[in-house]
C-alpha atoms as a PDB file:
ATOM      1  CA  MET A   1       0.000   0.000   0.000  1.00  0.00           C
ATOM      2  CA  GLN A   2       1.187   3.522  -0.715  1.00  0.00           C
ATOM      3  CA  ILE A   3      -0.301   6.871   0.301  1.00  0.00           C
ATOM      4  CA  VAL A   4      -0.010   9.234  -2.662  1.00  0.00           C
ATOM      5  CA  PRO A   5      -0.521  12.984  -1.973  1.00  0.00           C
ATOM      6  CA  VAL A   6      -0.086  14.029  -5.621  1.00  0.00           C
ATOM      7  CA  PRO A   7      -1.165  11.613  -8.419  1.00  0.00           C
ATOM      8  CA  GLU A   8       1.772  12.277 -10.742  1.00  0.00           C
ATOM      9  CA  ARG A   9       2.003   8.718 -11.987  1.00  0.00           C
ATOM     10  CA  VAL A  10      -1.587   7.553 -12.123  1.00  0.00           C
ATOM     11  CA  ARG A  11      -2.144   4.838 -14.698  1.00  0.00           C
ATOM     12  CA  ALA A  12      -5.592   4.702 -16.258  1.00  0.00           C
ATOM     13  CA  PHE A  13      -7.621   2.746 -18.780  1.00  0.00           C
ATOM     14  CA  GLU A  14      -7.153   3.830 -22.387  1.00  0.00           C
ATOM     15  CA  LEU A  15      -8.691   2.598 -25.621  1.00  0.00           C
ATOM     16  CA  ASP A  16      -6.474   0.381 -27.774  1.00  0.00           C
ATOM     17  CA  PRO A  17      -6.273   1.481 -31.445  1.00  0.00           C
ATOM     18  CA  ALA A  18      -4.784  -1.885 -32.446  1.00  0.00           C
ATOM     19  CA  MET A  19      -8.103  -3.772 -32.086  1.00  0.00           C
ATOM     20  CA  PRO A  20     -11.639  -3.362 -33.436  1.00  0.00           C
ATOM     21  CA  SER A  21     -13.688  -1.424 -30.926  1.00  0.00           C
ATOM     22  CA  GLY A  22     -16.178  -4.259 -30.451  1.00  0.00           C
ATOM     23  CA  ALA A  23     -13.369  -6.674 -29.503  1.00  0.00           C
ATOM     24  CA  LEU A  24     -11.840  -4.480 -26.782  1.00  0.00           C
ATOM     25  CA  PRO A  25     -12.096  -6.124 -23.344  1.00  0.00           C
ATOM     26  CA  ILE A  26     -14.767  -4.547 -21.123  1.00  0.00           C
ATOM     27  CA  PHE A  27     -15.425  -1.757 -23.635  1.00  0.00           C
ATOM     28  CA  GLY A  28     -16.965  -4.135 -26.181  1.00  0.00           C
ATOM     29  CA  GLU A  29     -19.072  -5.783 -23.490  1.00  0.00           C
ATOM     30  CA  TYR A  30     -20.103  -2.348 -22.224  1.00  0.00           C
ATOM     31  CA  LEU A  31     -21.284  -1.327 -25.707  1.00  0.00           C
ATOM     32  CA  ASP A  32     -23.323  -4.519 -26.030  1.00  0.00           C
ATOM     33  CA  ARG A  33     -24.922  -3.983 -22.635  1.00  0.00           C
ATOM     34  CA  ILE A  34     -25.877  -0.322 -23.061  1.00  0.00           C
ATOM     35  CA  GLY A  35     -27.213  -1.093 -26.530  1.00  0.00           C
ATOM     36  CA  ARG A  36     -29.490  -3.797 -25.100  1.00  0.00           C
ATOM     37  CA  ASN A  37     -30.523  -1.613 -22.161  1.00  0.00           C
ATOM     38  CA  ALA A  38     -31.440   1.273 -24.439  1.00  0.00           C
ATOM     39  CA  ALA A  39     -33.465  -1.017 -26.697  1.00  0.00           C
ATOM     40  CA  ASP A  40     -35.304  -2.591 -23.739  1.00  0.00           C
ATOM     41  CA  ARG A  41     -36.194   0.753 -22.191  1.00  0.00           C
ATOM     42  CA  ARG A  42     -37.333   2.212 -25.467  1.00  0.00           C
ATOM     43  CA  LEU A  43     -39.496  -0.869 -26.029  1.00  0.00           C
ATOM     44  CA  LEU A  44     -41.110  -0.319 -22.604  1.00  0.00           C
ATOM     45  CA  SER A  45     -41.751   3.335 -23.479  1.00  0.00           C
ATOM     46  CA  TRP A  46     -43.414   2.287 -26.744  1.00  0.00           C
ATOM     47  CA  PHE A  47     -45.709  -0.034 -24.779  1.00  0.00           C
ATOM     48  CA  PHE A  48     -46.898   2.864 -22.617  1.00  0.00           C
ATOM     49  CA  LEU A  49     -47.286   5.072 -25.690  1.00  0.00           C
ATOM     50  CA  LEU A  50     -49.557   2.489 -27.300  1.00  0.00           C
ATOM     51  CA  PHE A  51     -51.394   2.045 -23.987  1.00  0.00           C
ATOM     52  CA  GLY A  52     -52.012   5.789 -23.861  1.00  0.00           C
ATOM     53  CA  VAL A  53     -53.361   5.816 -27.405  1.00  0.00           C
ATOM     54  CA  ALA A  54     -55.670   2.919 -26.537  1.00  0.00           C
ATOM     55  CA  GLN A  55     -57.171   4.935 -23.675  1.00  0.00           C
ATOM     56  CA  PHE A  56     -58.764   7.303 -26.196  1.00  0.00           C
ATOM     57  CA  PHE A  57     -61.059   4.430 -27.256  1.00  0.00           C
ATOM     58  CA  THR A  58     -61.984   3.120 -23.784  1.00  0.00           C
ATOM     59  CA  GLY A  59     -64.050   6.041 -22.529  1.00  0.00           C
ATOM     60  CA  ALA A  60     -61.330   7.269 -20.164  1.00  0.00           C
ATOM     61  CA  GLY A  61     -61.669  10.834 -21.394  1.00  0.00           C
ATOM     62  CA  VAL A  62     -58.849  12.984 -22.678  1.00  0.00           C
ATOM     63  CA  VAL A  63     -56.692  13.941 -19.689  1.00  0.00           C
ATOM     64  CA  LEU A  64     -55.663  10.384 -18.744  1.00  0.00           C
ATOM     65  CA  PRO A  65     -54.404   9.295 -22.191  1.00  0.00           C
ATOM     66  CA  VAL A  66     -52.752  12.668 -22.758  1.00  0.00           C
ATOM     67  CA  GLY A  67     -50.944  12.338 -19.407  1.00  0.00           C
ATOM     68  CA  ILE A  68     -49.787   8.821 -20.230  1.00  0.00           C
ATOM     69  CA  LEU A  69     -48.574   9.941 -23.647  1.00  0.00           C
ATOM     70  CA  ALA A  70     -46.710  12.891 -22.136  1.00  0.00           C
ATOM     71  CA  LEU A  71     -44.897  10.783 -19.536  1.00  0.00           C
ATOM     72  CA  ALA A  72     -44.132   7.908 -21.889  1.00  0.00           C
ATOM     73  CA  GLY A  73     -43.171  10.285 -24.688  1.00  0.00           C
ATOM     74  CA  SER A  74     -40.695  12.166 -22.485  1.00  0.00           C
ATOM     75  CA  ALA A  75     -39.113   8.884 -21.359  1.00  0.00           C
ATOM     76  CA  GLU A  76     -38.904   7.682 -24.965  1.00  0.00           C
ATOM     77  CA  ALA A  77     -37.276  10.954 -26.060  1.00  0.00           C
ATOM     78  CA  MET A  78     -34.721  10.733 -23.253  1.00  0.00           C
ATOM     79  CA  TRP A  79     -33.725   7.147 -24.048  1.00  0.00           C
ATOM     80  CA  TRP A  80     -33.597   7.874 -27.778  1.00  0.00           C
ATOM     81  CA  TYR A  81     -31.295  10.833 -27.156  1.00  0.00           C
ATOM     82  CA  ARG A  82     -29.012   8.830 -24.864  1.00  0.00           C
ATOM     83  CA  ALA A  83     -28.799   6.004 -27.386  1.00  0.00           C
ATOM     84  CA  TYR A  84     -28.039   8.468 -30.195  1.00  0.00           C
ATOM     85  CA  VAL A  85     -25.315  10.255 -28.219  1.00  0.00           C
ATOM     86  CA  GLY A  86     -23.591   7.316 -26.562  1.00  0.00           C
ATOM     87  CA  VAL A  87     -24.237   4.081 -28.498  1.00  0.00           C
ATOM     88  CA  PRO A  88     -22.182   3.619 -31.698  1.00  0.00           C
ATOM     89  CA  GLU A  89     -23.784   1.874 -34.660  1.00  0.00           C
ATOM     90  CA  THR A  90     -23.151  -1.856 -34.992  1.00  0.00           C
ATOM     91  CA  ARG A  91     -20.965  -1.393 -38.064  1.00  0.00           C
ATOM     92  CA  LEU A  92     -18.481   0.686 -36.027  1.00  0.00           C
ATOM     93  CA  LYS A  93     -17.672  -2.293 -33.821  1.00  0.00           C
ATOM     94  CA  ARG A  94     -15.572  -3.607 -36.709  1.00  0.00           C
ATOM     95  CA  GLU A  95     -13.491  -0.422 -36.811  1.00  0.00           C
ATOM     96  CA  ALA A  96     -10.642   0.617 -34.535  1.00  0.00           C
ATOM     97  CA  PHE A  97     -10.226   3.862 -32.644  1.00  0.00           C
ATOM     98  CA  ARG A  98      -7.762   6.489 -33.862  1.00  0.00           C
ATOM     99  CA  GLN A  99      -5.747   8.287 -31.206  1.00  0.00           C
ATOM    100  CA  VAL A 100      -5.421  12.062 -31.554  1.00  0.00           C
ATOM    101  CA  ASP A 101      -2.961  13.978 -29.381  1.00  0.00           C
ATOM    102  CA  ILE A 102      -4.054  17.560 -28.769  1.00  0.00           C
ATOM    103  CA  ALA A 103      -1.502  20.308 -29.357  1.00  0.00           C
ATOM    104  CA  ALA A 104      -0.952  23.062 -26.809  1.00  0.00           C
ATOM    105  CA  ASP A 105      -3.088  25.467 -28.879  1.00  0.00           C
ATOM    106  CA  GLY A 106      -5.401  22.816 -30.313  1.00  0.00           C
ATOM    107  CA  LEU A 107      -8.109  22.833 -27.633  1.00  0.00           C
ATOM    108  CA  VAL A 108     -10.761  25.556 -27.506  1.00  0.00           C
ATOM    109  CA  ALA A 109     -14.152  25.908 -25.843  1.00  0.00           C
ATOM    110  CA  ALA A 110     -17.303  27.980 -26.310  1.00  0.00           C
ATOM    111  CA  GLY A 111     -19.565  27.195 -23.380  1.00  0.00           C
ATOM    112  CA  ARG A 112     -20.255  23.463 -23.371  1.00  0.00           C
ATOM    113  CA  THR A 113     -18.994  23.044 -26.961  1.00  0.00           C
ATOM    114  CA  VAL A 114     -15.353  21.959 -27.144  1.00  0.00           C
ATOM    115  CA  GLY A 115     -13.236  22.159 -30.274  1.00  0.00           C
ATOM    116  CA  VAL A 116     -10.217  19.909 -30.949  1.00  0.00           C
ATOM    117  CA  ARG A 117      -7.920  20.623 -33.868  1.00  0.00           C
ATOM    118  CA  LEU A 118      -7.204  17.447 -35.817  1.00  0.00           C
ATOM    119  CA  PRO A 119      -3.912  16.651 -37.580  1.00  0.00           C
ATOM    120  CA  ASP A 120      -5.431  17.516 -40.999  1.00  0.00           C
ATOM    121  CA  GLY A 121      -6.418  21.012 -39.824  1.00  0.00           C
ATOM    122  CA  ARG A 122     -10.125  20.334 -39.382  1.00  0.00           C
ATOM    123  CA  TRP A 123     -11.892  20.736 -36.057  1.00  0.00           C
ATOM    124  CA  LEU A 124     -13.769  18.216 -33.970  1.00  0.00           C
ATOM    125  CA  ARG A 125     -16.716  19.752 -32.144  1.00  0.00           C
ATOM    126  CA  ILE A 126     -18.351  18.006 -29.224  1.00  0.00           C
ATOM    127  CA  ARG A 127     -20.641  19.077 -26.406  1.00  0.00           C
ATOM    128  CA  LEU A 128     -19.289  18.027 -23.023  1.00  0.00           C
ATOM    129  CA  ASP A 129     -20.215  18.379 -19.382  1.00  0.00           C
ATOM    130  CA  GLU A 130     -17.793  20.075 -17.015  1.00  0.00           C
ATOM    131  CA  PRO A 131     -16.019  16.876 -15.843  1.00  0.00           C
ATOM    132  CA  TYR A 132     -15.069  15.928 -19.400  1.00  0.00           C
ATOM    133  CA  ARG A 133     -13.986  19.465 -20.288  1.00  0.00           C
ATOM    134  CA  LEU A 134     -11.658  19.434 -17.297  1.00  0.00           C
ATOM    135  CA  LEU A 135     -10.483  15.932 -18.230  1.00  0.00           C
ATOM    136  CA  LEU A 136      -9.513  17.069 -21.718  1.00  0.00           C
ATOM    137  CA  ALA A 137      -7.732  20.120 -20.344  1.00  0.00           C
ATOM    138  CA  GLY A 138      -5.528  17.884 -18.209  1.00  0.00           C
ATOM    139  CA  HIS A 139      -5.155  14.775 -20.421  1.00  0.00           C
ATOM    140  CA  ARG A 140      -4.946  16.233 -23.889  1.00  0.00           C
ATOM    141  CA  ARG A 141      -5.838  13.343 -26.146  1.00  0.00           C
ATOM    142  CA  VAL A 142      -8.956  11.745 -27.559  1.00  0.00           C
ATOM    143  CA  TRP A 143      -9.830   8.638 -29.567  1.00  0.00           C
ATOM    144  CA  LEU A 144     -12.053   8.835 -32.654  1.00  0.00           C
ATOM    145  CA  LEU A 145     -14.319   6.076 -33.950  1.00  0.00           C
ATOM    146  CA  GLY A 146     -15.762   6.483 -37.438  1.00  0.00           C
ATOM    147  CA  ARG A 147     -14.580   7.939 -40.744  1.00  0.00           C
ATOM    148  CA  GLY A 148     -17.287  10.406 -41.752  1.00  0.00           C
ATOM    149  CA  PRO A 149     -18.051  13.892 -40.451  1.00  0.00           C
ATOM    150  CA  LYS A 150     -19.962  12.217 -37.598  1.00  0.00           C
ATOM    151  CA  VAL A 151     -17.688  10.349 -35.199  1.00  0.00           C
ATOM    152  CA  PHE A 152     -17.714   8.968 -31.682  1.00  0.00           C
ATOM    153  CA  VAL A 153     -15.137  10.306 -29.250  1.00  0.00           C
ATOM    154  CA  GLY A 154     -13.420   8.352 -26.477  1.00  0.00           C
ATOM    155  CA  PHE A 155     -11.524   9.789 -23.509  1.00  0.00           C
ATOM    156  CA  SER A 156      -8.758   8.774 -21.132  1.00  0.00           C
ATOM    157  CA  GLY A 157      -9.852   6.747 -18.143  1.00  0.00           C
ATOM    158  CA  VAL A 158     -13.491   6.184 -19.143  1.00  0.00           C
ATOM    159  CA  VAL A 159     -15.310   3.679 -21.329  1.00  0.00           C
ATOM    160  CA  ARG A 160     -18.148   6.020 -22.303  1.00  0.00           C
ATOM    161  CA  VAL A 161     -18.023   7.636 -25.725  1.00  0.00           C
ATOM    162  CA  ARG A 162     -19.740  10.771 -27.014  1.00  0.00           C
ATOM    163  CA  ARG A 163     -20.934  11.679 -30.484  1.00  0.00           C
ATOM    164  CA  GLY A 164     -19.140  14.555 -32.207  1.00  0.00           C
ATOM    165  CA  ARG A 165     -18.899  16.200 -35.619  1.00  0.00           C
ATOM    166  CA  ILE A 166     -15.957  17.372 -37.699  1.00  0.00           C
ATOM    167  CA  PHE A 167     -16.017  20.855 -39.227  1.00  0.00           C
ATOM    168  CA  ALA A 168     -13.605  23.007 -41.167  1.00  0.00           C
ATOM    169  CA  THR A 169     -13.560  25.723 -38.490  1.00  0.00           C
ATOM    170  CA  PRO A 170     -13.533  25.835 -34.680  1.00  0.00           C
ATOM    171  CA  PRO A 171     -16.698  26.716 -32.723  1.00  0.00           C
ATOM    172  CA  ALA A 172     -17.762  30.346 -33.040  1.00  0.00           C
ATOM    173  CA  GLY A 173     -16.538  32.501 -30.173  1.00  0.00           C
ATOM    174  CA  ALA A 174     -14.304  29.776 -28.782  1.00  0.00           C
ATOM    175  CA  VAL A 175     -11.335  30.624 -26.578  1.00  0.00           C
ATOM    176  CA  ALA A 176      -8.187  28.574 -26.022  1.00  0.00           C
ATOM    177  CA  VAL A 177      -8.180  26.143 -23.101  1.00  0.00           C
ATOM    178  CA  PRO A 178      -4.814  26.165 -21.309  1.00  0.00           C
ATOM    179  CA  PRO A 179      -3.280  22.947 -19.983  1.00  0.00           C
ATOM    180  CA  ALA A 180      -4.603  22.063 -16.536  1.00  0.00           C
ATOM    181  CA  THR A 181      -2.962  20.377 -13.592  1.00  0.00           C
ATOM    182  CA  GLY A 182      -5.097  18.316 -11.259  1.00  0.00           C
ATOM    183  CA  ALA A 183      -5.120  18.630  -7.478  1.00  0.00           C
ATOM    184  CA  GLY A 184      -3.611  15.774  -5.517  1.00  0.00           C
ATOM    185  CA  THR A 185      -6.371  15.167  -2.967  1.00  0.00           C
ATOM    186  CA  PRO A 186      -9.891  13.749  -3.408  1.00  0.00           C
ATOM    187  CA  ARG A 187     -11.316  16.838  -1.679  1.00  0.00           C
ATOM    188  CA  LEU A 188      -9.661  19.283  -4.103  1.00  0.00           C
ATOM    189  CA  ASP A 189      -9.702  17.188  -7.273  1.00  0.00           C
ATOM    190  CA  PRO A 190     -11.573  19.437  -9.775  1.00  0.00           C
ATOM    191  CA  VAL A 191     -12.530  16.609 -12.147  1.00  0.00           C
ATOM    192  CA  LEU A 192     -13.881  14.404  -9.373  1.00  0.00           C
ATOM    193  CA  THR A 193     -15.741  17.312  -7.751  1.00  0.00           C
ATOM    194  CA  ALA A 194     -17.370  18.262 -11.059  1.00  0.00           C
ATOM    195  CA  HIS A 195     -18.250  14.605 -11.638  1.00  0.00           C
ATOM    196  CA  ARG A 196     -19.983  14.430  -8.252  1.00  0.00           C
ATOM    197  CA  ARG A 197     -21.929  17.613  -9.012  1.00  0.00           C
ATOM    198  CA  ARG A 198     -23.109  16.110 -12.301  1.00  0.00           C
ATOM    199  CA  ILE A 199     -24.279  12.949 -10.517  1.00  0.00           C
ATOM    200  CA  ALA A 200     -26.144  15.155  -8.022  1.00  0.00           C
ATOM    201  CA  ARG A 201     -27.910  16.994 -10.863  1.00  0.00           C
ATOM    202  CA  ASP A 202     -28.919  13.712 -12.495  1.00  0.00           C
ATOM    203  CA  LEU A 203     -30.314  12.461  -9.189  1.00  0.00           C
ATOM    204  CA  ARG A 204     -32.333  15.651  -8.686  1.00  0.00           C
ATOM    205  CA  ALA A 205     -33.739  15.371 -12.207  1.00  0.00           C
ATOM    206  CA  ALA A 206     -34.713  11.749 -11.551  1.00  0.00           C
ATOM    207  CA  ALA A 207     -36.367  12.737  -8.263  1.00  0.00           C
ATOM    208  CA  ALA A 208     -38.366  15.475  -9.996  1.00  0.00           C
ATOM    209  CA  PHE A 209     -39.604  13.057 -12.669  1.00  0.00           C
ATOM    210  CA  LEU A 210     -40.585  10.514 -10.015  1.00  0.00           C
ATOM    211  CA  LEU A 211     -42.533  13.157  -8.098  1.00  0.00           C
ATOM    212  CA  VAL A 212     -44.465  13.996 -11.258  1.00  0.00           C
ATOM    213  CA  LEU A 213     -45.107  10.285 -11.788  1.00  0.00           C
ATOM    214  CA  ALA A 214     -46.340   9.906  -8.197  1.00  0.00           C
ATOM    215  CA  GLY A 215     -48.671  12.885  -8.572  1.00  0.00           C
ATOM    216  CA  PHE A 216     -50.049  11.460 -11.793  1.00  0.00           C
ATOM    217  CA  ALA A 217     -50.679   8.080 -10.121  1.00  0.00           C
ATOM    218  CA  VAL A 218     -52.558   9.759  -7.239  1.00  0.00           C
ATOM    219  CA  TRP A 219     -54.710  11.708  -9.693  1.00  0.00           C
ATOM    220  CA  VAL A 220     -55.498   8.520 -11.616  1.00  0.00           C
ATOM    221  CA  ARG A 221     -56.539   6.771  -8.394  1.00  0.00           C
ATOM    222  CA  HIS A 222     -58.955   9.548  -7.398  1.00  0.00           C
ATOM    223  CA  ASP A 223     -60.524  10.011 -10.824  1.00  0.00           C
ATOM    224  CA  PHE A 224     -60.535   6.311 -11.733  1.00  0.00           C
ATOM    225  CA  PRO A 225     -61.176   4.306  -8.565  1.00  0.00           C
ATOM    226  CA  ALA A 226     -61.042   1.069 -10.547  1.00  0.00           C
ATOM    227  CA  THR A 227     -57.257   1.350 -10.649  1.00  0.00           C
ATOM    228  CA  GLY A 228     -57.300   0.585  -6.896  1.00  0.00           C
ATOM    229  CA  TRP A 229     -54.099  -0.601  -5.261  1.00  0.00           C
ATOM    230  CA  ILE A 230     -52.102  -0.452  -8.512  1.00  0.00           C
ATOM    231  CA  ALA A 231     -52.116   3.359  -8.555  1.00  0.00           C
ATOM    232  CA  TRP A 232     -51.333   3.628  -4.829  1.00  0.00           C
ATOM    233  CA  THR A 233     -48.459   1.160  -5.177  1.00  0.00           C
ATOM    234  CA  CYS A 234     -47.038   3.102  -8.110  1.00  0.00           C
ATOM    235  CA  ALA A 235     -47.342   6.399  -6.228  1.00  0.00           C
ATOM    236  CA  GLY A 236     -45.763   5.010  -3.059  1.00  0.00           C
ATOM    237  CA  GLY A 237     -42.868   3.434  -4.925  1.00  0.00           C
ATOM    238  CA  ALA A 238     -42.229   6.613  -6.916  1.00  0.00           C
ATOM    239  CA  LEU A 239     -42.285   8.779  -3.771  1.00  0.00           C
ATOM    240  CA  LEU A 240     -39.912   6.481  -1.884  1.00  0.00           C
ATOM    241  CA  THR A 241     -37.481   6.296  -4.791  1.00  0.00           C
ATOM    242  CA  ALA A 242     -37.637  10.087  -5.240  1.00  0.00           C
ATOM    243  CA  LEU A 243     -36.787  10.569  -1.563  1.00  0.00           C
ATOM    244  CA  VAL A 244     -33.790   8.247  -1.856  1.00  0.00           C
ATOM    245  CA  ALA A 245     -32.572  10.028  -5.016  1.00  0.00           C
ATOM    246  CA  ALA A 246     -32.948  13.474  -3.423  1.00  0.00           C
ATOM    247  CA  THR A 247     -31.065  12.369  -0.300  1.00  0.00           C
ATOM    248  CA  ARG A 248     -28.230  10.935  -2.373  1.00  0.00           C
ATOM    249  CA  SER A 249     -28.053  14.131  -4.448  1.00  0.00           C
ATOM    250  CA  PHE A 250     -27.219  16.165  -1.328  1.00  0.00           C
ATOM    251  CA  ALA A 251     -24.407  13.762  -0.461  1.00  0.00           C
ATOM    252  CA  TYR A 252     -22.957  13.897  -3.982  1.00  0.00           C
ATOM    253  CA  GLY A 253     -23.234  17.697  -4.065  1.00  0.00           C
ATOM    254  CA  ARG A 254     -20.425  17.982  -1.520  1.00  0.00           C
ATOM    255  CA  PRO A 255     -16.749  17.264  -2.283  1.00  0.00           C
ATOM    256  CA  LEU A 256     -15.138  14.242  -0.696  1.00  0.00           C
ATOM    257  CA  ALA A 257     -13.592  14.929   2.697  1.00  0.00           C
ATOM    258  CA  ALA A 258     -10.480  12.756   2.256  1.00  0.00           C
ATOM    259  CA  ASP A 259      -7.141  14.577   2.008  1.00  0.00           C
ATOM    260  CA  HIS A 260      -5.155  11.850   0.271  1.00  0.00           C
ATOM    261  CA  TRP A 261      -5.410   8.845  -2.006  1.00  0.00           C
ATOM    262  CA  THR A 262      -4.301   5.369  -0.982  1.00  0.00           C
ATOM    263  CA  GLU A 263      -3.054   3.170  -3.806  1.00  0.00           C
ATOM    264  CA  LEU A 264      -3.597  -0.573  -3.425  1.00  0.00           C
ATOM    265  CA  ARG A 265      -2.564  -3.398  -5.688  1.00  0.00           C
ATOM    266  CA  ALA A 266      -5.571  -5.330  -6.938  1.00  0.00           C
ATOM    267  CA  VAL A 267      -5.709  -8.856  -8.346  1.00  0.00           C
ATOM    268  CA  LEU A 268      -9.022  -9.936  -9.838  1.00  0.00           C
ATOM    269  CA  ASP A 269     -10.236 -13.462  -9.154  1.00  0.00           C
ATOM    270  CA  GLY A 270     -12.204 -13.657 -12.410  1.00  0.00           C
ATOM    271  CA  PRO A 271     -13.435 -11.664 -15.374  1.00  0.00           C
ATOM    272  CA  VAL A 272     -15.476  -8.482 -15.018  1.00  0.00           C
ATOM    273  CA  ARG A 273     -19.177  -9.281 -15.391  1.00  0.00           C
ATOM    274  CA  MET A 274     -21.322  -6.631 -17.027  1.00  0.00           C
ATOM    275  CA  GLY A 275     -24.894  -6.501 -15.709  1.00  0.00           C
ATOM    276  CA  ARG A 276     -27.924  -4.374 -16.437  1.00  0.00           C
ATOM    277  CA  ARG A 277     -27.056  -1.836 -13.733  1.00  0.00           C
ATOM    278  CA  GLY A 278     -23.282  -1.878 -13.854  1.00  0.00           C
ATOM    279  CA  ALA A 279     -20.224  -4.086 -13.574  1.00  0.00           C
ATOM    280  CA  ARG A 280     -19.456  -6.760 -10.988  1.00  0.00           C
ATOM    281  CA  LEU A 281     -15.898  -7.626 -10.035  1.00  0.00           C
ATOM    282  CA  SER A 282     -14.018  -9.072  -7.083  1.00  0.00           C
ATOM    283  CA  GLY A 283     -10.476  -9.951  -6.130  1.00  0.00           C
ATOM    284  CA  LEU A 284      -7.739  -9.569  -3.519  1.00  0.00           C
ATOM    285  CA  THR A 285      -5.781  -6.587  -2.195  1.00  0.00           C
ATOM    286  CA  MET A 286      -3.390  -5.852   0.680  1.00  0.00           C
ATOM    287  CA  LEU A 287      -3.865  -3.319   3.488  1.00  0.00           C
ATOM    288  CA  ALA A 288      -1.160  -1.309   5.288  1.00  0.00           C
ATOM    289  CA  ASP A 289      -0.491  -3.970   7.932  1.00  0.00           C
ATOM    290  CA  GLY A 290       0.099  -6.621   5.286  1.00  0.00           C
ATOM    291  CA  THR A 291      -3.312  -8.211   5.657  1.00  0.00           C
ATOM    292  CA  VAL A 292      -4.609  -9.677   2.431  1.00  0.00           C
ATOM    293  CA  VAL A 293      -8.339  -9.036   2.124  1.00  0.00           C
ATOM    294  CA  GLY A 294     -10.906  -9.568  -0.548  1.00  0.00           C
ATOM    295  CA  PHE A 295     -12.682  -6.734  -2.303  1.00  0.00           C
ATOM    296  CA  ARG A 296     -15.811  -6.614  -4.399  1.00  0.00           C
ATOM    297  CA  MET A 297     -17.781  -4.058  -6.334  1.00  0.00           C
ATOM    298  CA  VAL A 298     -21.454  -4.525  -7.200  1.00  0.00           C
ATOM    299  CA  LYS A 299     -23.245  -2.350  -9.771  1.00  0.00           C
ATOM    300  CA  ALA A 300     -19.971  -0.529 -10.365  1.00  0.00           C
ATOM    301  CA  ASP A 301     -19.355   2.126 -12.957  1.00  0.00           C
ATOM    302  CA  PRO A 302     -17.931   0.256 -15.997  1.00  0.00           C
ATOM    303  CA  SER A 303     -15.123   2.842 -16.125  1.00  0.00           C
ATOM    304  CA  MET A 304     -14.192   1.943 -12.541  1.00  0.00           C
ATOM    305  CA  ALA A 305     -14.086  -1.737 -13.437  1.00  0.00           C
ATOM    306  CA  ALA A 306     -12.036  -1.066 -16.579  1.00  0.00           C
ATOM    307  CA  ASN A 307      -9.417   0.934 -14.665  1.00  0.00           C
ATOM    308  CA  ILE A 308      -8.993  -1.731 -11.977  1.00  0.00           C
ATOM    309  CA  ALA A 309      -8.833  -4.566 -14.512  1.00  0.00           C
ATOM    310  CA  THR A 310      -6.318  -2.928 -16.858  1.00  0.00           C
ATOM    311  CA  THR A 311      -4.005  -1.241 -14.319  1.00  0.00           C
ATOM    312  CA  GLY A 312      -4.145  -3.645 -11.379  1.00  0.00           C
ATOM    313  CA  ARG A 313      -4.590  -0.660  -9.048  1.00  0.00           C
ATOM    314  CA  LEU A 314      -7.363   0.262  -6.631  1.00  0.00           C
ATOM    315  CA  TRP A 315      -7.412   3.882  -5.443  1.00  0.00           C
ATOM    316  CA  ILE A 316      -9.154   4.531  -2.108  1.00  0.00           C
ATOM    317  CA  ALA A 317     -10.101   8.014  -0.871  1.00  0.00           C
ATOM    318  CA  GLY A 318      -8.590   8.182   2.609  1.00  0.00           C
ATOM    319  CA  ILE A 319      -7.426   5.260   4.720  1.00  0.00           C
ATOM    320  CA  PRO A 320      -8.850   1.876   3.650  1.00  0.00           C
ATOM    321  CA  ARG A 321     -10.605  -0.113   6.364  1.00  0.00           C
ATOM    322  CA  PRO A 322     -12.764  -3.225   6.261  1.00  0.00           C
ATOM    323  CA  GLY A 323     -16.235  -2.352   5.025  1.00  0.00           C
ATOM    324  CA  GLY A 324     -17.411   0.124   2.429  1.00  0.00           C
ATOM    325  CA  ALA A 325     -14.963   2.677   1.030  1.00  0.00           C
ATOM    326  CA  THR A 326     -15.026   5.307  -1.697  1.00  0.00           C
ATOM    327  CA  ALA A 327     -12.911   4.372  -4.714  1.00  0.00           C
ATOM    328  CA  GLY A 328     -11.959   6.444  -7.728  1.00  0.00           C
ATOM    329  CA  VAL A 329      -9.113   7.335 -10.071  1.00  0.00           C
ATOM    330  CA  PRO A 330      -7.214  10.585  -9.307  1.00  0.00           C
ATOM    331  CA  GLY A 331      -7.844  13.176 -12.002  1.00  0.00           C
ATOM    332  CA  TYR A 332     -10.590  11.226 -13.803  1.00  0.00           C
ATOM    333  CA  PRO A 333     -14.414  11.283 -13.624  1.00  0.00           C
ATOM    334  CA  VAL A 334     -14.506   7.792 -12.135  1.00  0.00           C
ATOM    335  CA  LEU A 335     -16.148   7.001  -8.815  1.00  0.00           C
ATOM    336  CA  GLY A 336     -17.529   3.989  -7.005  1.00  0.00           C
ATOM    337  CA  THR A 337     -17.958   2.094  -3.736  1.00  0.00           C
ATOM    338  CA  VAL A 338     -15.777  -0.896  -2.934  1.00  0.00           C
ATOM    339  CA  TRP A 339     -16.331  -3.397  -0.139  1.00  0.00           C
ATOM    340  CA  LEU A 340     -13.161  -4.551   1.621  1.00  0.00           C
ATOM    341  CA  GLY A 341     -12.961  -7.707   3.681  1.00  0.00           C
END
C-alpha cells in the first residue's frame, strides 16, 4: 500500500487502437450492454405510448391518455437521445479507434462546446459536461471512432463515448483552453468534484420526474377508482425512490472529505461481469499492515471496473478499512464504492 498525496504517476484505462472497438475487453461488453438496455427501455416506453393511445377508445376521457402519452413520450425521447449520443452503430464495432494527441493550442471551448484541432487542420466539435472538459484540459488526447463527419469520441480513463462532428472551423466565439494540472487530494480534485456535481444533478432530475409520476398516479386513483391498489403502489414506490434520489443528491453535491489517495494493488479473481445496472468484479488486495483481504464491487461504474482490470490498481479516498470505502481514479471522472474484507 502507498499513500499518494499528488497523483503524478496515475495509470488509467485507455482505448487500444490496435483492435476493433467491439473486440476491446470490457469496452466491447459495455457497448453490447448499453445497446441492449437502451433497446429494452425504449421498447417499454413504446408499450406505454400504445397504452395511452388505446385509452382514447376506452371512454377514459382525454386527460388520462394525454398524461400517459406525455410521460411515456418524455421517457422515450430521453432514451432515444441517450442512445443516439452514446451508443455507436453496430458497423463501427468492426473499426478501430484512432488516437489524436491535442496540441498546446489545439483545444478551444465555447460554453459546453469543445473544439479539438485534428492533424489535418479540421476541427472536432463536441458538447461536453464540465467533468469531461476538465479531463480534456488535463489529459490532452482523444480517440475517434468512425470515418465520416460524424464520429464517436473516447476519452482517457473512461469507457463512455460521445458523439461529435468534424467541421472546417472551430466553434464560433471559442477561446483557447490552457493545460490544466489536477489537485492531488480527493477533496480538491476538480474533475472528481465536477463529476460528483453532475451525478447530483442527475439524481435531482430523476427525483423530480418521479414526483411527477407519483402525482399522476394519485390523480389517476382519485378520478378512476377502478385502478385501486395499482395506482397507490405506483405512487408510493415513486415517492420512496424520489426521496432516496434526493437524499443521495445532497451527499454527492459535496466534495469528498479525504485529504489523500491510498493506492492498493488489486488482483481480480475472475473476469469483469457486465450486468444491467453496472459491472461486478471481485479480487484480492493488501492493506497497510500486510493483511490480504478480498474486495468486491457490485453495480460498479464500468469505467471503474475497466481501470482496476487494466491497471491492477485500486485507489481509495482516505485510509482503507474493512467495510465500504469510496474508490476512484485521481484526475478522472470515475467514482464507485468498494467493499473490503
